[in-house]
PDB file of N, CA and C in Angstrom:
ATOM      1  N   MET A   1      81.200   9.447 -25.485  1.00  0.00           N
ATOM      2  CA  MET A   1      80.731   7.960 -25.681  1.00  0.00           C
ATOM      3  C   MET A   1      81.299   8.170 -27.269  1.00  0.00           C
ATOM      4  N   ASN A   2      81.855   7.140 -27.823  1.00  0.00           N
ATOM      5  CA  ASN A   2      82.104   7.324 -28.991  1.00  0.00           C
ATOM      6  C   ASN A   2      81.343   6.533 -30.147  1.00  0.00           C
ATOM      7  N   ALA A   3      80.814   7.649 -30.938  1.00  0.00           N
ATOM      8  CA  ALA A   3      79.950   7.336 -31.998  1.00  0.00           C
ATOM      9  C   ALA A   3      80.474   6.173 -32.846  1.00  0.00           C
ATOM     10  N   THR A   4      81.612   6.172 -33.337  1.00  0.00           N
ATOM     11  CA  THR A   4      81.967   5.062 -34.145  1.00  0.00           C
ATOM     12  C   THR A   4      82.080   3.970 -33.716  1.00  0.00           C
ATOM     13  N   ALA A   5      82.750   3.581 -32.321  1.00  0.00           N
ATOM     14  CA  ALA A   5      83.033   2.314 -31.736  1.00  0.00           C
ATOM     15  C   ALA A   5      81.456   2.050 -31.282  1.00  0.00           C
ATOM     16  N   PHE A   6      80.499   2.708 -31.109  1.00  0.00           N
ATOM     17  CA  PHE A   6      79.053   2.325 -30.803  1.00  0.00           C
ATOM     18  C   PHE A   6      78.307   1.716 -31.875  1.00  0.00           C
ATOM     19  N   ASP A   7      78.582   2.564 -33.122  1.00  0.00           N
ATOM     20  CA  ASP A   7      78.093   2.277 -34.306  1.00  0.00           C
ATOM     21  C   ASP A   7      78.523   0.784 -34.942  1.00  0.00           C
ATOM     22  N   ASN A   8      79.752   0.445 -34.844  1.00  0.00           N
ATOM     23  CA  ASN A   8      80.476  -0.906 -34.855  1.00  0.00           C
ATOM     24  C   ASN A   8      79.466  -1.803 -34.043  1.00  0.00           C
ATOM     25  N   TYR A   9      79.729  -1.620 -33.141  1.00  0.00           N
ATOM     26  CA  TYR A   9      78.947  -2.476 -32.065  1.00  0.00           C
ATOM     27  C   TYR A   9      77.820  -2.966 -32.375  1.00  0.00           C
ATOM     28  N   ALA A  10      76.853  -1.892 -32.479  1.00  0.00           N
ATOM     29  CA  ALA A  10      75.173  -2.011 -32.588  1.00  0.00           C
ATOM     30  C   ALA A  10      75.060  -2.531 -34.164  1.00  0.00           C
ATOM     31  N   LYS A  11      75.950  -2.382 -35.012  1.00  0.00           N
ATOM     32  CA  LYS A  11      75.448  -3.305 -36.371  1.00  0.00           C
ATOM     33  C   LYS A  11      75.864  -4.516 -36.086  1.00  0.00           C
ATOM     34  N   GLU A  12      77.028  -4.988 -35.428  1.00  0.00           N
ATOM     35  CA  GLU A  12      77.323  -6.103 -35.168  1.00  0.00           C
ATOM     36  C   GLU A  12      75.983  -6.983 -34.367  1.00  0.00           C
ATOM     37  N   THR A  13      75.755  -6.172 -33.368  1.00  0.00           N
ATOM     38  CA  THR A  13      74.647  -6.590 -32.620  1.00  0.00           C
ATOM     39  C   THR A  13      73.345  -6.840 -33.530  1.00  0.00           C
ATOM     40  N   ALA A  14      73.313  -5.903 -34.706  1.00  0.00           N
ATOM     41  CA  ALA A  14      72.043  -6.385 -35.044  1.00  0.00           C
ATOM     42  C   ALA A  14      71.922  -7.167 -36.272  1.00  0.00           C
ATOM     43  N   LYS A  15      73.219  -7.733 -36.980  1.00  0.00           N
ATOM     44  CA  LYS A  15      73.306  -8.780 -37.679  1.00  0.00           C
ATOM     45  C   LYS A  15      73.219 -10.086 -36.885  1.00  0.00           C
ATOM     46  N   LEU A  16      73.959 -10.377 -35.571  1.00  0.00           N
ATOM     47  CA  LEU A  16      73.501 -11.190 -34.731  1.00  0.00           C
ATOM     48  C   LEU A  16      72.286 -11.517 -34.436  1.00  0.00           C
ATOM     49  N   PHE A  17      71.596 -10.357 -34.113  1.00  0.00           N
ATOM     50  CA  PHE A  17      70.069 -10.637 -33.956  1.00  0.00           C
ATOM     51  C   PHE A  17      69.280 -11.209 -34.694  1.00  0.00           C
ATOM     52  N   VAL A  18      69.296 -10.546 -36.392  1.00  0.00           N
ATOM     53  CA  VAL A  18      69.089 -11.058 -37.078  1.00  0.00           C
ATOM     54  C   VAL A  18      69.237 -12.938 -37.589  1.00  0.00           C
ATOM     55  N   SER A  19      70.284 -12.747 -37.404  1.00  0.00           N
ATOM     56  CA  SER A  19      70.737 -14.556 -37.790  1.00  0.00           C
ATOM     57  C   SER A  19      70.712 -15.199 -36.962  1.00  0.00           C
ATOM     58  N   LEU A  20      70.267 -14.774 -35.547  1.00  0.00           N
ATOM     59  CA  LEU A  20      70.008 -15.930 -34.482  1.00  0.00           C
ATOM     60  C   LEU A  20      68.422 -15.848 -34.322  1.00  0.00           C
ATOM     61  N   TYR A  21      67.655 -14.636 -34.453  1.00  0.00           N
ATOM     62  CA  TYR A  21      66.225 -14.980 -34.331  1.00  0.00           C
ATOM     63  C   TYR A  21      65.453 -14.512 -35.739  1.00  0.00           C
ATOM     64  N   ALA A  22      65.879 -15.471 -36.586  1.00  0.00           N
ATOM     65  CA  ALA A  22      65.188 -14.649 -37.777  1.00  0.00           C
ATOM     66  C   ALA A  22      63.767 -15.016 -38.256  1.00  0.00           C
ATOM     67  N   TRP A  23      63.172 -15.710 -37.089  1.00  0.00           N
ATOM     68  CA  TRP A  23      61.806 -16.092 -37.282  1.00  0.00           C
ATOM     69  C   TRP A  23      60.970 -14.855 -36.536  1.00  0.00           C
ATOM     70  N   TYR A  24      61.846 -14.016 -35.727  1.00  0.00           N
ATOM     71  CA  TYR A  24      61.307 -13.224 -34.720  1.00  0.00           C
ATOM     72  C   TYR A  24      61.543 -11.839 -35.351  1.00  0.00           C
ATOM     73  N   TYR A  25      60.367 -10.603 -35.830  1.00  0.00           N
ATOM     74  CA  TYR A  25      60.333  -9.615 -36.265  1.00  0.00           C
ATOM     75  C   TYR A  25      61.480  -8.603 -35.214  1.00  0.00           C
ATOM     76  N   MET A  26      62.215  -7.550 -35.217  1.00  0.00           N
ATOM     77  CA  MET A  26      62.988  -6.802 -34.534  1.00  0.00           C
ATOM     78  C   MET A  26      61.998  -5.918 -34.195  1.00  0.00           C
ATOM     79  N   PRO A  27      61.792  -5.494 -32.854  1.00  0.00           N
ATOM     80  CA  PRO A  27      61.075  -4.410 -32.468  1.00  0.00           C
ATOM     81  C   PRO A  27      61.518  -3.057 -32.742  1.00  0.00           C
ATOM     82  N   ALA A  28      60.624  -2.214 -32.883  1.00  0.00           N
ATOM     83  CA  ALA A  28      60.895  -1.003 -33.588  1.00  0.00           C
ATOM     84  C   ALA A  28      62.019   0.028 -32.829  1.00  0.00           C
ATOM     85  N   SER A  29      61.743  -0.183 -31.057  1.00  0.00           N
ATOM     86  CA  SER A  29      62.350   0.288 -30.391  1.00  0.00           C
ATOM     87  C   SER A  29      64.111  -0.334 -30.362  1.00  0.00           C
ATOM     88  N   VAL A  30      64.189  -1.692 -30.453  1.00  0.00           N
ATOM     89  CA  VAL A  30      65.551  -2.128 -30.973  1.00  0.00           C
ATOM     90  C   VAL A  30      66.260  -1.798 -32.165  1.00  0.00           C
ATOM     91  N   HIS A  31      65.480  -1.848 -33.290  1.00  0.00           N
ATOM     92  CA  HIS A  31      65.701  -1.063 -34.437  1.00  0.00           C
ATOM     93  C   HIS A  31      66.354   0.080 -34.283  1.00  0.00           C
ATOM     94  N   LYS A  32      65.565   1.158 -33.540  1.00  0.00           N
ATOM     95  CA  LYS A  32      66.025   2.553 -33.616  1.00  0.00           C
ATOM     96  C   LYS A  32      67.443   2.664 -32.721  1.00  0.00           C
ATOM     97  N   LEU A  33      67.394   1.494 -31.798  1.00  0.00           N
ATOM     98  CA  LEU A  33      68.640   1.883 -31.041  1.00  0.00           C
ATOM     99  C   LEU A  33      70.122   1.231 -31.840  1.00  0.00           C
ATOM    100  N   LEU A  34      70.054  -0.037 -32.414  1.00  0.00           N
ATOM    101  CA  LEU A  34      70.727  -0.722 -32.836  1.00  0.00           C
ATOM    102  C   LEU A  34      71.353   0.082 -34.423  1.00  0.00           C
ATOM    103  N   ILE A  35      70.500   0.384 -35.183  1.00  0.00           N
ATOM    104  CA  ILE A  35      70.218   1.020 -36.350  1.00  0.00           C
ATOM    105  C   ILE A  35      70.937   2.706 -36.781  1.00  0.00           C
ATOM    106  N   HIS A  36      70.046   3.676 -35.990  1.00  0.00           N
ATOM    107  CA  HIS A  36      69.876   4.649 -35.590  1.00  0.00           C
ATOM    108  C   HIS A  36      70.774   5.009 -34.461  1.00  0.00           C
ATOM    109  N   GLY A  37      71.151   4.600 -33.569  1.00  0.00           N
ATOM    110  CA  GLY A  37      71.729   4.954 -32.192  1.00  0.00           C
ATOM    111  C   GLY A  37      72.680   5.796 -32.234  1.00  0.00           C
ATOM    112  N   SER A  38      73.684   5.507 -33.478  1.00  0.00           N
ATOM    113  CA  SER A  38      75.143   6.274 -33.492  1.00  0.00           C
ATOM    114  C   SER A  38      74.806   7.478 -33.615  1.00  0.00           C
ATOM    115  N   ALA A  39      73.710   7.567 -34.614  1.00  0.00           N
ATOM    116  CA  ALA A  39      73.587   9.366 -35.320  1.00  0.00           C
ATOM    117  C   ALA A  39      73.027   9.899 -33.901  1.00  0.00           C
ATOM    118  N   ILE A  40      71.891   9.320 -33.112  1.00  0.00           N
ATOM    119  CA  ILE A  40      71.880  10.106 -32.097  1.00  0.00           C
ATOM    120  C   ILE A  40      72.407  10.310 -31.236  1.00  0.00           C
ATOM    121  N   VAL A  41      73.762   9.607 -30.687  1.00  0.00           N
ATOM    122  CA  VAL A  41      74.755   9.660 -29.742  1.00  0.00           C
ATOM    123  C   VAL A  41      75.611  10.722 -30.419  1.00  0.00           C
ATOM    124  N   SER A  42      75.702  11.052 -31.626  1.00  0.00           N
ATOM    125  CA  SER A  42      76.863  11.961 -32.524  1.00  0.00           C
ATOM    126  C   SER A  42      76.043  13.453 -32.422  1.00  0.00           C
ATOM    127  N   VAL A  43      75.252  13.519 -32.355  1.00  0.00           N
ATOM    128  CA  VAL A  43      74.532  15.032 -32.139  1.00  0.00           C
ATOM    129  C   VAL A  43      73.507  15.289 -31.087  1.00  0.00           C
ATOM    130  N   ALA A  44      73.804  14.428 -29.888  1.00  0.00           N
ATOM    131  CA  ALA A  44      73.276  14.624 -28.814  1.00  0.00           C
ATOM    132  C   ALA A  44      74.177  15.923 -28.070  1.00  0.00           C
ATOM    133  N   LEU A  45      73.394  16.794 -27.642  1.00  0.00           N
ATOM    134  CA  LEU A  45      74.030  17.849 -26.716  1.00  0.00           C
ATOM    135  C   LEU A  45      74.693  17.731 -25.357  1.00  0.00           C
ATOM    136  N   LEU A  46      73.735  16.724 -24.780  1.00  0.00           N
ATOM    137  CA  LEU A  46      74.499  16.137 -23.516  1.00  0.00           C
ATOM    138  C   LEU A  46      74.768  14.726 -23.652  1.00  0.00           C
ATOM    139  N   PRO A  47      75.757  14.353 -22.665  1.00  0.00           N
ATOM    140  CA  PRO A  47      75.727  12.805 -22.419  1.00  0.00           C
ATOM    141  C   PRO A  47      74.701  12.156 -22.523  1.00  0.00           C
ATOM    142  N   ILE A  48      74.675  10.820 -22.783  1.00  0.00           N
ATOM    143  CA  ILE A  48      73.589   9.928 -22.565  1.00  0.00           C
ATOM    144  C   ILE A  48      72.869   9.928 -21.264  1.00  0.00           C
ATOM    145  N   GLY A  49      74.273   9.665 -20.340  1.00  0.00           N
ATOM    146  CA  GLY A  49      73.717   9.606 -18.643  1.00  0.00           C
ATOM    147  C   GLY A  49      72.754  10.516 -17.940  1.00  0.00           C
ATOM    148  N   GLN A  50      72.903  12.030 -18.923  1.00  0.00           N
ATOM    149  CA  GLN A  50      72.209  13.085 -17.946  1.00  0.00           C
ATOM    150  C   GLN A  50      70.944  13.295 -18.691  1.00  0.00           C
ATOM    151  N   LEU A  51      70.416  12.321 -19.871  1.00  0.00           N
ATOM    152  CA  LEU A  51      69.407  12.494 -20.486  1.00  0.00           C
ATOM    153  C   LEU A  51      68.234  11.329 -20.029  1.00  0.00           C
ATOM    154  N   SER A  52      68.635  10.549 -18.732  1.00  0.00           N
ATOM    155  CA  SER A  52      67.539   9.885 -18.481  1.00  0.00           C
ATOM    156  C   SER A  52      66.534  10.269 -17.198  1.00  0.00           C
ATOM    157  N   GLU A  53      65.611   9.966 -17.074  1.00  0.00           N
ATOM    158  CA  GLU A  53      64.659  10.409 -16.190  1.00  0.00           C
ATOM    159  C   GLU A  53      65.306  10.128 -14.447  1.00  0.00           C
ATOM    160  N   GLU A  54      66.246   9.404 -14.498  1.00  0.00           N
ATOM    161  CA  GLU A  54      66.961   8.874 -12.954  1.00  0.00           C
ATOM    162  C   GLU A  54      66.766  10.267 -12.032  1.00  0.00           C
ATOM    163  N   ALA A  55      67.839  11.190 -12.613  1.00  0.00           N
ATOM    164  CA  ALA A  55      68.078  12.181 -11.864  1.00  0.00           C
ATOM    165  C   ALA A  55      66.793  13.138 -11.504  1.00  0.00           C
ATOM    166  N   GLN A  56      66.278  13.279 -12.282  1.00  0.00           N
ATOM    167  CA  GLN A  56      64.876  14.223 -11.975  1.00  0.00           C
ATOM    168  C   GLN A  56      64.203  13.356 -10.811  1.00  0.00           C
ATOM    169  N   GLU A  57      63.868  11.984 -10.949  1.00  0.00           N
ATOM    170  CA  GLU A  57      63.321  11.399 -10.037  1.00  0.00           C
ATOM    171  C   GLU A  57      63.781  11.765  -8.640  1.00  0.00           C
ATOM    172  N   ALA A  58      65.214  11.432  -8.883  1.00  0.00           N
ATOM    173  CA  ALA A  58      65.798  11.562  -7.365  1.00  0.00           C
ATOM    174  C   ALA A  58      65.774  13.097  -6.664  1.00  0.00           C
ATOM    175  N   ARG A  59      65.370  13.966  -7.694  1.00  0.00           N
ATOM    176  CA  ARG A  59      64.845  15.531  -6.899  1.00  0.00           C
ATOM    177  C   ARG A  59      63.350  15.795  -6.599  1.00  0.00           C
ATOM    178  N   ASN A  60      62.786  14.452  -6.648  1.00  0.00           N
ATOM    179  CA  ASN A  60      61.435  14.742  -5.889  1.00  0.00           C
ATOM    180  C   ASN A  60      61.185  14.669  -4.836  1.00  0.00           C
ATOM    181  N   LYS A  61      61.913  13.971  -4.000  1.00  0.00           N
ATOM    182  CA  LYS A  61      61.963  14.024  -2.623  1.00  0.00           C
ATOM    183  C   LYS A  61      62.242  15.747  -1.893  1.00  0.00           C
ATOM    184  N   GLU A  62      63.543  16.309  -2.587  1.00  0.00           N
ATOM    185  CA  GLU A  62      64.165  17.501  -1.913  1.00  0.00           C
ATOM    186  C   GLU A  62      62.836  18.566  -2.224  1.00  0.00           C
ATOM    187  N   ILE A  63      62.153  18.459  -3.674  1.00  0.00           N
ATOM    188  CA  ILE A  63      61.351  19.249  -4.017  1.00  0.00           C
ATOM    189  C   ILE A  63      60.189  19.247  -3.117  1.00  0.00           C
ATOM    190  N   LYS A  64      59.832  18.021  -2.863  1.00  0.00           N
ATOM    191  CA  LYS A  64      58.621  17.768  -1.961  1.00  0.00           C
ATOM    192  C   LYS A  64      58.935  18.445  -0.539  1.00  0.00           C
ATOM    193  N   LYS A  65      59.889  18.658  -0.030  1.00  0.00           N
ATOM    194  CA  LYS A  65      60.630  19.074   1.249  1.00  0.00           C
ATOM    195  C   LYS A  65      60.342  20.408   1.182  1.00  0.00           C
ATOM    196  N   PHE A  66      61.129  21.061   0.007  1.00  0.00           N
ATOM    197  CA  PHE A  66      60.947  22.315  -0.250  1.00  0.00           C
ATOM    198  C   PHE A  66      59.754  22.947  -0.126  1.00  0.00           C
ATOM    199  N   ARG A  67      58.702  22.207  -0.989  1.00  0.00           N
ATOM    200  CA  ARG A  67      57.456  22.574  -1.181  1.00  0.00           C
ATOM    201  C   ARG A  67      56.666  22.863   0.159  1.00  0.00           C
ATOM    202  N   GLU A  68      56.821  21.777   0.965  1.00  0.00           N
ATOM    203  CA  GLU A  68      56.148  21.779   2.205  1.00  0.00           C
ATOM    204  C   GLU A  68      56.652  22.572   3.549  1.00  0.00           C
ATOM    205  N   HIS A  69      58.133  22.999   3.210  1.00  0.00           N
ATOM    206  CA  HIS A  69      58.414  23.720   4.398  1.00  0.00           C
ATOM    207  C   HIS A  69      58.957  25.359   3.895  1.00  0.00           C
ATOM    208  N   TYR A  70      59.244  25.665   2.490  1.00  0.00           N
ATOM    209  CA  TYR A  70      59.545  26.756   2.415  1.00  0.00           C
ATOM    210  C   TYR A  70      58.599  27.653   1.172  1.00  0.00           C
ATOM    211  N   THR A  71      57.430  27.397   1.444  1.00  0.00           N
ATOM    212  CA  THR A  71      56.582  27.824   0.233  1.00  0.00           C
ATOM    213  C   THR A  71      55.673  28.637   1.121  1.00  0.00           C
ATOM    214  N   ARG A  72      54.903  29.370   0.523  1.00  0.00           N
ATOM    215  CA  ARG A  72      53.528  30.133   1.056  1.00  0.00           C
ATOM    216  C   ARG A  72      52.677  29.090   0.489  1.00  0.00           C
ATOM    217  N   LYS A  73      51.317  28.964   1.433  1.00  0.00           N
ATOM    218  CA  LYS A  73      50.206  28.079   1.125  1.00  0.00           C
ATOM    219  C   LYS A  73      49.096  28.800   0.978  1.00  0.00           C
ATOM    220  N   LEU A  74      49.164  30.040   0.454  1.00  0.00           N
ATOM    221  CA  LEU A  74      47.822  30.739   0.222  1.00  0.00           C
ATOM    222  C   LEU A  74      47.359  30.211  -1.013  1.00  0.00           C
ATOM    223  N   SER A  75      47.639  29.725  -2.020  1.00  0.00           N
ATOM    224  CA  SER A  75      47.353  29.331  -3.079  1.00  0.00           C
ATOM    225  C   SER A  75      48.050  28.566  -3.810  1.00  0.00           C
ATOM    226  N   ARG A  76      47.444  27.889  -4.757  1.00  0.00           N
ATOM    227  CA  ARG A  76      48.696  27.073  -5.798  1.00  0.00           C
ATOM    228  C   ARG A  76      49.622  28.145  -6.487  1.00  0.00           C
ATOM    229  N   VAL A  77      48.697  29.315  -6.801  1.00  0.00           N
ATOM    230  CA  VAL A  77      49.684  30.243  -7.454  1.00  0.00           C
ATOM    231  C   VAL A  77      50.954  30.103  -6.866  1.00  0.00           C
ATOM    232  N   SER A  78      50.858  30.834  -5.612  1.00  0.00           N
ATOM    233  CA  SER A  78      51.720  31.531  -4.745  1.00  0.00           C
ATOM    234  C   SER A  78      52.514  30.270  -4.430  1.00  0.00           C
ATOM    235  N   THR A  79      52.476  29.184  -4.057  1.00  0.00           N
ATOM    236  CA  THR A  79      53.186  27.610  -3.739  1.00  0.00           C
ATOM    237  C   THR A  79      53.952  27.642  -5.178  1.00  0.00           C
ATOM    238  N   ASN A  80      53.437  27.919  -6.364  1.00  0.00           N
ATOM    239  CA  ASN A  80      54.116  27.391  -7.228  1.00  0.00           C
ATOM    240  C   ASN A  80      55.374  28.075  -7.752  1.00  0.00           C
ATOM    241  N   VAL A  81      54.909  30.025  -7.712  1.00  0.00           N
ATOM    242  CA  VAL A  81      56.083  30.816  -8.120  1.00  0.00           C
ATOM    243  C   VAL A  81      56.926  30.643  -6.686  1.00  0.00           C
ATOM    244  N   ASP A  82      56.521  30.429  -5.622  1.00  0.00           N
ATOM    245  CA  ASP A  82      57.818  29.914  -4.458  1.00  0.00           C
ATOM    246  C   ASP A  82      58.521  28.874  -4.848  1.00  0.00           C
ATOM    247  N   LEU A  83      58.008  28.148  -5.246  1.00  0.00           N
ATOM    248  CA  LEU A  83      58.680  26.764  -5.696  1.00  0.00           C
ATOM    249  C   LEU A  83      59.770  26.907  -6.293  1.00  0.00           C
ATOM    250  N   MET A  84      59.634  27.823  -7.721  1.00  0.00           N
ATOM    251  CA  MET A  84      60.172  27.733  -9.092  1.00  0.00           C
ATOM    252  C   MET A  84      61.065  28.802  -8.674  1.00  0.00           C
ATOM    253  N   GLN A  85      60.845  29.556  -7.884  1.00  0.00           N
ATOM    254  CA  GLN A  85      61.719  31.232  -7.215  1.00  0.00           C
ATOM    255  C   GLN A  85      63.018  30.436  -6.374  1.00  0.00           C
ATOM    256  N   GLY A  86      62.402  29.871  -5.481  1.00  0.00           N
ATOM    257  CA  GLY A  86      63.133  29.391  -4.497  1.00  0.00           C
ATOM    258  C   GLY A  86      64.591  28.741  -4.788  1.00  0.00           C
TER     259      GLY A  86
END
């Protein structure tokens, strides 16, 4: 992702937000994204798409299947050991 292009886009969007909705305070999450988002993008070690929870959520079905079929059921400890080493 091009941090400079994103910064320009975000700053223009922030100006537009303030001019169109002067009566409404900008929420903190929107402020963080529009004003500080380019700094986050420029120092991120991973691409933005890999930071979402979507990939982790998609793996839950496979983890559940592995836990049910390929782990020992003697105790929670042995089940978790098999799950993490599998």
